C-alpha atoms as a PDB file:
ATOM      1  CA  MET A   1      48.530  22.590 191.169  1.00  0.00           C
ATOM      2  CA  ARG A   2      45.353  24.531 190.499  1.00  0.00           C
ATOM      3  CA  GLU A   3      45.249  25.879 193.993  1.00  0.00           C
ATOM      4  CA  SER A   4      48.793  26.505 193.754  1.00  0.00           C
ATOM      5  CA  GLY A   5      48.228  28.605 190.595  1.00  0.00           C
ATOM      6  CA  ILE A   6      45.272  30.651 192.149  1.00  0.00           C
ATOM      7  CA  VAL A   7      47.348  31.319 195.196  1.00  0.00           C
ATOM      8  CA  GLY A   8      50.450  32.208 193.089  1.00  0.00           C
ATOM      9  CA  GLY A   9      48.115  34.584 190.885  1.00  0.00           C
ATOM     10  CA  LEU A  10      46.820  36.347 194.119  1.00  0.00           C
ATOM     11  CA  HIS A  11      50.358  36.908 195.510  1.00  0.00           C
ATOM     12  CA  TYR A  12      51.379  38.432 192.074  1.00  0.00           C
ATOM     13  CA  LEU A  13      48.177  40.472 191.923  1.00  0.00           C
ATOM     14  CA  SER A  14      48.992  41.812 195.693  1.00  0.00           C
ATOM     15  CA  VAL A  15      52.419  42.653 194.808  1.00  0.00           C
ATOM     16  CA  TRP A  16      51.351  44.810 191.828  1.00  0.00           C
ATOM     17  CA  ILE A  17      48.562  46.614 193.923  1.00  0.00           C
ATOM     18  CA  MET A  18      51.161  47.317 196.785  1.00  0.00           C
ATOM     19  CA  ARG A  19      53.768  48.559 194.232  1.00  0.00           C
ATOM     20  CA  LEU A  20      51.233  50.695 192.291  1.00  0.00           C
ATOM     21  CA  GLY A  21      49.613  52.168 195.690  1.00  0.00           C
ATOM     22  CA  MET A  22      52.933  52.887 197.214  1.00  0.00           C
ATOM     23  CA  ILE A  23      54.618  54.431 194.129  1.00  0.00           C
ATOM     24  CA  ASN A  24      51.411  56.516 193.797  1.00  0.00           C
ATOM     25  CA  ILE A  25      51.675  57.871 197.349  1.00  0.00           C
ATOM     26  CA  LEU A  26      55.303  59.146 196.669  1.00  0.00           C
ATOM     27  CA  TRP A  27      54.145  60.715 193.476  1.00  0.00           C
ATOM     28  CA  PHE A  28      51.140  62.246 195.317  1.00  0.00           C
ATOM     29  CA  LEU A  29      53.324  63.529 198.078  1.00  0.00           C
ATOM     30  CA  SER A  30      56.049  64.988 195.528  1.00  0.00           C
ATOM     31  CA  ASN A  31      53.107  67.058 194.163  1.00  0.00           C
ATOM     32  CA  LEU A  32      51.438  67.989 197.232  1.00  0.00           C
ATOM     33  CA  PRO A  33      51.524  71.869 196.662  1.00  0.00           C
ATOM     34  CA  ILE A  34      50.234  71.122 193.088  1.00  0.00           C
ATOM     35  CA  MET A  35      47.386  68.933 194.583  1.00  0.00           C
ATOM     36  CA  ILE A  36      46.269  71.474 197.029  1.00  0.00           C
ATOM     37  CA  ILE A  37      46.192  74.357 194.486  1.00  0.00           C
ATOM     38  CA  SER A  38      44.293  72.071 191.902  1.00  0.00           C
ATOM     39  CA  PHE A  39      41.760  71.315 194.811  1.00  0.00           C
ATOM     40  CA  ILE A  40      41.307  75.076 195.538  1.00  0.00           C
ATOM     41  CA  LEU A  41      41.076  75.854 191.685  1.00  0.00           C
ATOM     42  CA  LEU A  42      37.797  73.405 191.543  1.00  0.00           C
ATOM     43  CA  PHE A  43      35.936  75.803 193.851  1.00  0.00           C
ATOM     44  CA  ALA A  44      37.272  79.059 192.858  1.00  0.00           C
ATOM     45  CA  GLU A  45      34.834  81.358 191.086  1.00  0.00           C
ATOM     46  CA  ASP A  46      36.632  84.669 190.744  1.00  0.00           C
ATOM     47  CA  MET A  47      38.304  84.870 187.329  1.00  0.00           C
ATOM     48  CA  GLY A  48      41.211  86.642 188.881  1.00  0.00           C
ATOM     49  CA  VAL A  49      41.704  83.979 191.449  1.00  0.00           C
ATOM     50  CA  VAL A  50      41.360  81.383 188.823  1.00  0.00           C
ATOM     51  CA  LEU A  51      44.280  82.952 186.640  1.00  0.00           C
ATOM     52  CA  VAL A  52      46.626  83.166 189.446  1.00  0.00           C
ATOM     53  CA  LEU A  53      45.956  79.392 190.388  1.00  0.00           C
ATOM     54  CA  CYS A  54      46.610  78.486 186.930  1.00  0.00           C
ATOM     55  CA  LEU A  55      49.813  80.539 186.519  1.00  0.00           C
ATOM     56  CA  LEU A  56      50.990  78.865 189.801  1.00  0.00           C
ATOM     57  CA  LEU A  57      50.287  75.388 188.327  1.00  0.00           C
ATOM     58  CA  PHE A  58      52.377  76.198 185.296  1.00  0.00           C
ATOM     59  CA  ILE A  59      55.222  77.543 187.350  1.00  0.00           C
ATOM     60  CA  LEU A  60      55.159  74.433 189.575  1.00  0.00           C
ATOM     61  CA  ALA A  61      54.620  71.896 186.927  1.00  0.00           C
ATOM     62  CA  PRO A  62      58.189  71.658 185.640  1.00  0.00           C
ATOM     63  CA  ILE A  63      59.609  72.010 189.169  1.00  0.00           C
ATOM     64  CA  MET A  64      57.590  69.002 190.785  1.00  0.00           C
ATOM     65  CA  LEU A  65      54.881  67.363 188.270  1.00  0.00           C
ATOM     66  CA  PHE A  66      57.421  66.419 185.568  1.00  0.00           C
ATOM     67  CA  PRO A  67      60.237  65.191 187.462  1.00  0.00           C
ATOM     68  CA  SER A  68      57.979  63.079 189.874  1.00  0.00           C
ATOM     69  CA  THR A  69      55.842  61.659 187.067  1.00  0.00           C
ATOM     70  CA  ALA A  70      59.340  60.784 185.125  1.00  0.00           C
ATOM     71  CA  ALA A  71      60.441  59.040 187.981  1.00  0.00           C
ATOM     72  CA  LEU A  72      57.149  57.071 188.497  1.00  0.00           C
ATOM     73  CA  PHE A  73      57.373  55.926 184.810  1.00  0.00           C
ATOM     74  CA  SER A  74      60.955  54.857 185.256  1.00  0.00           C
ATOM     75  CA  SER A  75      60.052  52.842 188.388  1.00  0.00           C
ATOM     76  CA  VAL A  76      56.864  51.170 186.490  1.00  0.00           C
ATOM     77  CA  ARG A  77      59.376  50.493 183.527  1.00  0.00           C
ATOM     78  CA  GLU A  78      61.843  48.733 186.015  1.00  0.00           C
ATOM     79  CA  TRP A  79      59.118  46.557 187.168  1.00  0.00           C
ATOM     80  CA  LEU A  80      58.127  45.568 184.015  1.00  0.00           C
ATOM     81  CA  VAL A  81      61.333  45.202 181.995  1.00  0.00           C
ATOM     82  CA  MET A  82      63.781  44.170 184.689  1.00  0.00           C
ATOM     83  CA  LYS A  83      62.698  40.970 186.304  1.00  0.00           C
ATOM     84  CA  GLU A  84      65.616  40.699 188.695  1.00  0.00           C
ATOM     85  CA  ASP A  85      67.811  42.927 190.642  1.00  0.00           C
ATOM     86  CA  GLN A  86      64.978  45.624 191.122  1.00  0.00           C
ATOM     87  CA  PRO A  87      65.865  48.371 193.528  1.00  0.00           C
ATOM     88  CA  PRO A  88      63.757  49.059 196.731  1.00  0.00           C
ATOM     89  CA  LEU A  89      60.819  51.052 195.718  1.00  0.00           C
ATOM     90  CA  PHE A  90      61.367  54.175 197.816  1.00  0.00           C
ATOM     91  CA  SER A  91      65.302  54.569 196.980  1.00  0.00           C
ATOM     92  CA  GLY A  92      64.552  53.619 193.248  1.00  0.00           C
ATOM     93  CA  PHE A  93      61.852  56.218 192.880  1.00  0.00           C
ATOM     94  CA  LEU A  94      64.432  58.821 194.441  1.00  0.00           C
ATOM     95  CA  ARG A  95      67.089  57.628 192.310  1.00  0.00           C
ATOM     96  CA  PHE A  96      65.041  58.275 189.138  1.00  0.00           C
ATOM     97  CA  TYR A  97      63.710  61.627 190.371  1.00  0.00           C
ATOM     98  CA  LYS A  98      67.313  62.895 190.619  1.00  0.00           C
ATOM     99  CA  GLU A  99      68.667  61.328 187.703  1.00  0.00           C
ATOM    100  CA  ASN A 100      65.763  62.744 185.505  1.00  0.00           C
ATOM    101  CA  TYR A 101      65.305  66.063 187.044  1.00  0.00           C
ATOM    102  CA  LYS A 102      67.231  68.349 184.743  1.00  0.00           C
ATOM    103  CA  LYS A 103      65.911  66.702 181.564  1.00  0.00           C
ATOM    104  CA  SER A 104      62.044  66.583 183.002  1.00  0.00           C
ATOM    105  CA  PHE A 105      62.385  70.049 184.226  1.00  0.00           C
ATOM    106  CA  THR A 106      63.700  71.312 180.872  1.00  0.00           C
ATOM    107  CA  ALA A 107      60.830  69.264 179.106  1.00  0.00           C
ATOM    108  CA  GLY A 108      58.368  70.504 181.841  1.00  0.00           C
ATOM    109  CA  CYS A 109      59.184  74.107 180.835  1.00  0.00           C
ATOM    110  CA  ILE A 110      58.553  73.440 177.199  1.00  0.00           C
ATOM    111  CA  MET A 111      55.416  71.580 177.738  1.00  0.00           C
ATOM    112  CA  SER A 112      53.983  73.902 180.381  1.00  0.00           C
ATOM    113  CA  LEU A 113      54.475  76.561 177.874  1.00  0.00           C
ATOM    114  CA  LEU A 114      52.592  74.578 175.234  1.00  0.00           C
ATOM    115  CA  TRP A 115      49.718  73.771 177.670  1.00  0.00           C
ATOM    116  CA  MET A 116      49.525  77.384 178.660  1.00  0.00           C
ATOM    117  CA  ILE A 117      49.139  78.383 174.938  1.00  0.00           C
ATOM    118  CA  TRP A 118      46.487  75.862 174.346  1.00  0.00           C
ATOM    119  CA  LEU A 119      44.499  76.992 177.458  1.00  0.00           C
ATOM    120  CA  VAL A 120      44.355  80.537 176.503  1.00  0.00           C
ATOM    121  CA  ASP A 121      43.343  79.641 172.897  1.00  0.00           C
ATOM    122  CA  TYR A 122      40.910  77.007 173.939  1.00  0.00           C
ATOM    123  CA  TYR A 123      39.218  79.604 176.408  1.00  0.00           C
ATOM    124  CA  TYR A 124      39.230  82.311 173.813  1.00  0.00           C
ATOM    125  CA  PHE A 125      38.330  80.412 170.630  1.00  0.00           C
ATOM    126  CA  SER A 126      36.245  77.656 172.024  1.00  0.00           C
ATOM    127  CA  GLN A 127      33.483  80.535 172.828  1.00  0.00           C
ATOM    128  CA  LYS A 128      33.433  81.309 168.980  1.00  0.00           C
ATOM    129  CA  ASN A 129      31.706  78.406 167.610  1.00  0.00           C
ATOM    130  CA  VAL A 130      31.305  74.580 167.974  1.00  0.00           C
ATOM    131  CA  ILE A 131      33.911  73.851 165.389  1.00  0.00           C
ATOM    132  CA  LEU A 132      36.613  75.861 166.995  1.00  0.00           C
ATOM    133  CA  PHE A 133      35.877  74.221 170.293  1.00  0.00           C
ATOM    134  CA  MET A 134      36.186  70.726 168.838  1.00  0.00           C
ATOM    135  CA  VAL A 135      39.386  71.671 167.016  1.00  0.00           C
ATOM    136  CA  PHE A 136      41.056  73.034 170.302  1.00  0.00           C
ATOM    137  CA  LEU A 137      39.574  70.035 172.285  1.00  0.00           C
ATOM    138  CA  MET A 138      41.192  67.571 169.967  1.00  0.00           C
ATOM    139  CA  MET A 139      44.469  69.330 170.137  1.00  0.00           C
ATOM    140  CA  GLY A 140      44.306  69.398 173.945  1.00  0.00           C
ATOM    141  CA  ILE A 141      43.586  65.566 173.920  1.00  0.00           C
ATOM    142  CA  MET A 142      46.634  64.940 171.480  1.00  0.00           C
ATOM    143  CA  LEU A 143      48.737  67.247 173.568  1.00  0.00           C
ATOM    144  CA  PHE A 144      47.980  65.203 176.676  1.00  0.00           C
ATOM    145  CA  VAL A 145      48.819  61.976 174.639  1.00  0.00           C
ATOM    146  CA  VAL A 146      52.187  63.645 173.747  1.00  0.00           C
ATOM    147  CA  THR A 147      52.858  64.398 177.275  1.00  0.00           C
ATOM    148  CA  ILE A 148      52.303  60.802 178.501  1.00  0.00           C
ATOM    149  CA  ASN A 149      54.303  59.252 175.442  1.00  0.00           C
ATOM    150  CA  PHE A 150      57.048  61.624 176.687  1.00  0.00           C
ATOM    151  CA  PHE A 151      57.265  59.862 180.037  1.00  0.00           C
ATOM    152  CA  SER A 152      57.064  56.316 178.247  1.00  0.00           C
ATOM    153  CA  VAL A 153      59.934  57.434 175.969  1.00  0.00           C
ATOM    154  CA  ASN A 154      62.027  59.069 178.502  1.00  0.00           C
ATOM    155  CA  ALA A 155      61.844  56.203 180.845  1.00  0.00           C
ATOM    156  CA  HIS A 156      62.892  53.679 178.189  1.00  0.00           C
ATOM    157  CA  TYR A 157      65.311  55.486 175.716  1.00  0.00           C
ATOM    158  CA  ASN A 158      68.438  57.770 176.829  1.00  0.00           C
ATOM    159  CA  LEU A 159      67.748  60.646 174.146  1.00  0.00           C
ATOM    160  CA  THR A 160      68.039  64.308 174.601  1.00  0.00           C
ATOM    161  CA  VAL A 161      65.050  66.479 175.760  1.00  0.00           C
ATOM    162  CA  LEU A 162      64.140  67.458 171.935  1.00  0.00           C
ATOM    163  CA  GLY A 163      64.793  63.847 170.754  1.00  0.00           C
ATOM    164  CA  THR A 164      62.248  62.648 173.701  1.00  0.00           C
ATOM    165  CA  LEU A 165      59.605  65.100 172.518  1.00  0.00           C
ATOM    166  CA  LYS A 166      59.988  64.432 168.873  1.00  0.00           C
ATOM    167  CA  ASN A 167      59.690  60.654 169.314  1.00  0.00           C
ATOM    168  CA  ALA A 168      56.575  61.042 171.548  1.00  0.00           C
ATOM    169  CA  LEU A 169      55.041  63.337 168.970  1.00  0.00           C
ATOM    170  CA  ILE A 170      55.775  60.686 166.153  1.00  0.00           C
ATOM    171  CA  LEU A 171      54.394  57.957 168.480  1.00  0.00           C
ATOM    172  CA  THR A 172      51.314  59.928 169.135  1.00  0.00           C
ATOM    173  CA  VAL A 173      50.539  60.631 165.580  1.00  0.00           C
ATOM    174  CA  GLY A 174      51.934  57.454 164.140  1.00  0.00           C
ATOM    175  CA  ARG A 175      50.415  54.830 166.423  1.00  0.00           C
ATOM    176  CA  PRO A 176      46.471  55.772 166.765  1.00  0.00           C
ATOM    177  CA  ILE A 177      45.757  52.692 168.579  1.00  0.00           C
ATOM    178  CA  LEU A 178      48.221  53.495 171.307  1.00  0.00           C
ATOM    179  CA  THR A 179      46.802  56.922 171.291  1.00  0.00           C
ATOM    180  CA  ILE A 180      43.331  55.694 171.863  1.00  0.00           C
ATOM    181  CA  ILE A 181      44.413  53.331 174.610  1.00  0.00           C
ATOM    182  CA  ILE A 182      46.066  56.229 176.545  1.00  0.00           C
ATOM    183  CA  VAL A 183      43.118  58.532 176.144  1.00  0.00           C
ATOM    184  CA  LEU A 184      40.358  56.061 176.879  1.00  0.00           C
ATOM    185  CA  SER A 185      42.204  54.596 179.976  1.00  0.00           C
ATOM    186  CA  SER A 186      43.149  58.019 181.314  1.00  0.00           C
ATOM    187  CA  LEU A 187      39.507  59.076 180.934  1.00  0.00           C
ATOM    188  CA  LEU A 188      38.162  56.020 182.649  1.00  0.00           C
ATOM    189  CA  ILE A 189      40.614  56.405 185.662  1.00  0.00           C
ATOM    190  CA  GLY A 190      40.360  60.125 185.894  1.00  0.00           C
ATOM    191  CA  TYR A 191      36.593  59.918 185.910  1.00  0.00           C
ATOM    192  CA  THR A 192      36.441  57.103 188.574  1.00  0.00           C
ATOM    193  CA  SER A 193      39.076  59.017 190.671  1.00  0.00           C
ATOM    194  CA  LEU A 194      37.550  62.501 190.557  1.00  0.00           C
ATOM    195  CA  VAL A 195      33.972  61.770 190.388  1.00  0.00           C
ATOM    196  CA  LYS A 196      33.133  58.069 191.626  1.00  0.00           C
ATOM    197  CA  VAL A 197      35.924  57.347 194.015  1.00  0.00           C
ATOM    198  CA  PRO A 198      38.002  60.295 194.953  1.00  0.00           C
ATOM    199  CA  PRO A 199      40.063  58.542 197.611  1.00  0.00           C
ATOM    200  CA  LEU A 200      41.854  56.581 194.874  1.00  0.00           C
ATOM    201  CA  ILE A 201      43.634  60.051 193.643  1.00  0.00           C
ATOM    202  CA  PRO A 202      46.560  59.558 196.549  1.00  0.00           C
ATOM    203  CA  PHE A 203      46.645  55.625 195.980  1.00  0.00           C
ATOM    204  CA  PHE A 204      46.260  54.566 192.510  1.00  0.00           C
ATOM    205  CA  SER A 205      45.157  57.203 189.994  1.00  0.00           C
ATOM    206  CA  MET A 206      48.676  58.101 188.232  1.00  0.00           C
ATOM    207  CA  SER A 207      50.477  54.970 188.890  1.00  0.00           C
ATOM    208  CA  LEU A 208      47.517  53.157 186.893  1.00  0.00           C
ATOM    209  CA  ILE A 209      47.778  55.677 184.097  1.00  0.00           C
ATOM    210  CA  ALA A 210      51.626  55.134 184.050  1.00  0.00           C
ATOM    211  CA  PHE A 211      51.112  51.372 184.049  1.00  0.00           C
ATOM    212  CA  ILE A 212      48.672  51.124 181.166  1.00  0.00           C
ATOM    213  CA  SER A 213      50.492  53.652 179.169  1.00  0.00           C
ATOM    214  CA  PHE A 214      53.969  52.241 179.457  1.00  0.00           C
ATOM    215  CA  SER A 215      52.797  48.623 179.133  1.00  0.00           C
ATOM    216  CA  SER A 216      51.102  49.610 175.925  1.00  0.00           C
ATOM    217  CA  PHE A 217      54.185  51.504 174.678  1.00  0.00           C
ATOM    218  CA  TYR A 218      56.480  48.657 175.690  1.00  0.00           C
ATOM    219  CA  SER A 219      54.397  46.143 173.950  1.00  0.00           C
ATOM    220  CA  TYR A 220      54.636  48.155 170.632  1.00  0.00           C
ATOM    221  CA  TYR A 221      58.424  48.432 171.209  1.00  0.00           C
ATOM    222  CA  LEU A 222      58.717  44.552 171.446  1.00  0.00           C
ATOM    223  CA  LYS A 223      56.698  43.975 168.261  1.00  0.00           C
ATOM    224  CA  VAL A 224      58.851  46.413 166.205  1.00  0.00           C
ATOM    225  CA  LYS A 225      62.038  44.926 167.661  1.00  0.00           C
ATOM    226  CA  GLN A 226      60.759  41.625 166.860  1.00  0.00           C
ATOM    227  CA  ALA A 227      59.851  42.584 163.107  1.00  0.00           C
ATOM    228  CA  LEU A 228      63.243  44.024 162.785  1.00  0.00           C
ATOM    229  CA  LYS A 229      64.893  40.597 163.534  1.00  0.00           C
END
């Protein structure tokens, strides 16, 4: 029995590793132009080039990044919530991509504008003094969590764009533990992927963030649902 349990656990783990790896590859390929631009941006020194590259990223984000990330979160949600009758990985990702495209594109336009405003303000005001630097740094962290929570809420509820964004904001402000989990896990995965093991980026980076973020969100959802009974 013990050996069977170990074998079963290893099989379960291998299934999840395969899922997260494959779905991350699909997400990475869906954002390949963004990845290339981001890589070039890391080594750009001329401010004019940096501005052009950043503008390209803000333009491409609603078109590529938001629809593909919405599909990624919806796929993860399907694996965690729907124990049976799960669609094949590729066709499921493609279906979620198509179904969420209009909504995620609209939300992407709104969020990209907010990120653009934050980046300009952060670059300008953070050079004034340490206090402003910390204020805009915290605003950036909160905006990141709102963005992540948008994908979790969008994957689980059928709401309007504004309704999804509103609930993502409420979740970010009202559930500090969830916010801390998202921030710390994303920082750890991002640091490991970018600094320690860059090959992880096309295989596990965003899928791990999606898995941890939605798992935490879904755990909170189940607790609220149980409390309302």
